[in-house]
Protein backbone atom coordinates (compact mmCIF):
# COMPACT_ATOMS: atom_id res chain seq x y z
CA MET A 1 -48.04 51.13 -16.98
CA ASP A 2 -47.58 54.32 -15.43
CA ALA A 3 -45.15 54.32 -12.41
CA ASP A 4 -47.16 56.98 -10.73
CA ASN A 5 -50.34 54.92 -11.07
CA LEU A 6 -48.76 51.80 -9.40
CA VAL A 7 -47.56 54.12 -6.61
CA HIS A 8 -50.88 55.37 -6.18
CA MET A 9 -52.44 51.94 -6.23
CA VAL A 10 -50.23 50.29 -3.92
CA ASN A 11 -50.50 53.15 -1.45
CA ASP A 12 -54.34 52.88 -1.76
CA ILE A 13 -53.99 49.00 -0.93
CA ALA A 14 -51.90 49.76 1.99
CA ASP A 15 -54.43 52.50 3.25
CA PHE A 16 -56.96 49.56 2.97
CA PHE A 17 -54.93 47.16 4.94
CA VAL A 18 -53.47 49.20 7.67
CA PRO A 19 -56.66 49.62 9.69
CA SER A 20 -57.80 46.00 9.41
CA ALA A 21 -54.51 44.17 9.83
CA GLY A 22 -52.37 46.68 11.93
CA ALA A 23 -49.38 48.69 11.10
CA GLN A 24 -47.11 45.74 11.72
CA ARG A 25 -49.13 43.02 9.55
CA ALA A 26 -50.28 45.25 6.82
CA PRO A 27 -46.99 44.97 4.72
CA ALA A 28 -47.40 41.28 4.46
CA GLU A 29 -51.08 41.63 3.54
CA VAL A 30 -50.32 44.24 0.93
CA ALA A 31 -47.53 42.13 -0.48
CA ALA A 32 -49.76 39.24 -0.55
CA HIS A 33 -52.52 41.15 -2.42
CA VAL A 34 -50.11 42.60 -5.00
CA LYS A 35 -48.82 38.95 -5.65
CA ARG A 36 -52.24 37.51 -6.09
CA PHE A 37 -53.75 40.46 -8.31
CA TRP A 38 -50.80 42.19 -10.18
CA GLU A 39 -49.31 41.11 -13.15
CA PRO A 40 -45.61 40.15 -13.11
CA ARG A 41 -44.72 43.24 -15.16
CA MET A 42 -46.44 45.67 -12.66
CA ARG A 43 -44.66 43.80 -9.83
CA ARG A 44 -41.15 44.31 -11.38
CA GLN A 45 -42.15 47.81 -12.12
CA ILE A 46 -43.01 48.76 -8.63
CA ILE A 47 -39.90 47.21 -7.27
CA GLU A 48 -37.94 49.25 -9.69
CA VAL A 49 -39.79 52.30 -8.68
CA TRP A 50 -39.09 51.47 -4.84
CA ARG A 51 -35.34 50.88 -5.82
CA THR A 52 -35.13 54.46 -6.72
CA GLY A 53 -36.10 55.68 -3.17
CA LYS A 54 -37.80 58.48 -4.84
CA ALA A 55 -41.42 57.23 -5.03
CA PRO A 56 -43.94 58.76 -2.53
CA LEU A 57 -44.79 55.27 -0.89
CA SER A 58 -46.40 55.29 2.43
CA GLU A 59 -44.60 53.22 5.16
CA ALA A 60 -46.77 50.30 4.77
CA ALA A 61 -46.57 50.30 1.07
CA ARG A 62 -42.69 50.78 1.31
CA ALA A 63 -42.35 47.85 3.48
CA ALA A 64 -44.65 45.73 1.44
CA VAL A 65 -42.79 46.31 -1.69
CA ALA A 66 -39.46 45.57 0.07
CA LEU A 67 -40.96 42.21 0.90
CA LEU A 68 -41.72 41.64 -2.81
CA ALA A 69 -38.14 42.69 -3.72
CA GLN A 70 -36.79 40.24 -1.15
CA GLU A 71 -38.85 37.33 -2.70
CA ALA A 72 -38.05 38.35 -6.29
CA ALA A 73 -34.27 38.33 -5.23
CA ALA A 74 -34.71 34.79 -3.58
CA LYS A 75 -36.09 33.38 -7.01
CA GLY A 76 -33.17 34.66 -8.90
């Protein structure tokens, strides 16, 4: 999938969760949503995009992808 599209999608998901969950809880909610609904390939790709540091991710989206990356690293 196109990396720009993934960035757009995760930012949209974050925009949805921030008002309802709050800024501190939103990253966990976003990460849970992505784990639930995105294919593993898409999750790996957004983590790679995040690692470049160049993706225009919102603060909540960036924190959510960091959580996904930590979990993926823990799994090995």
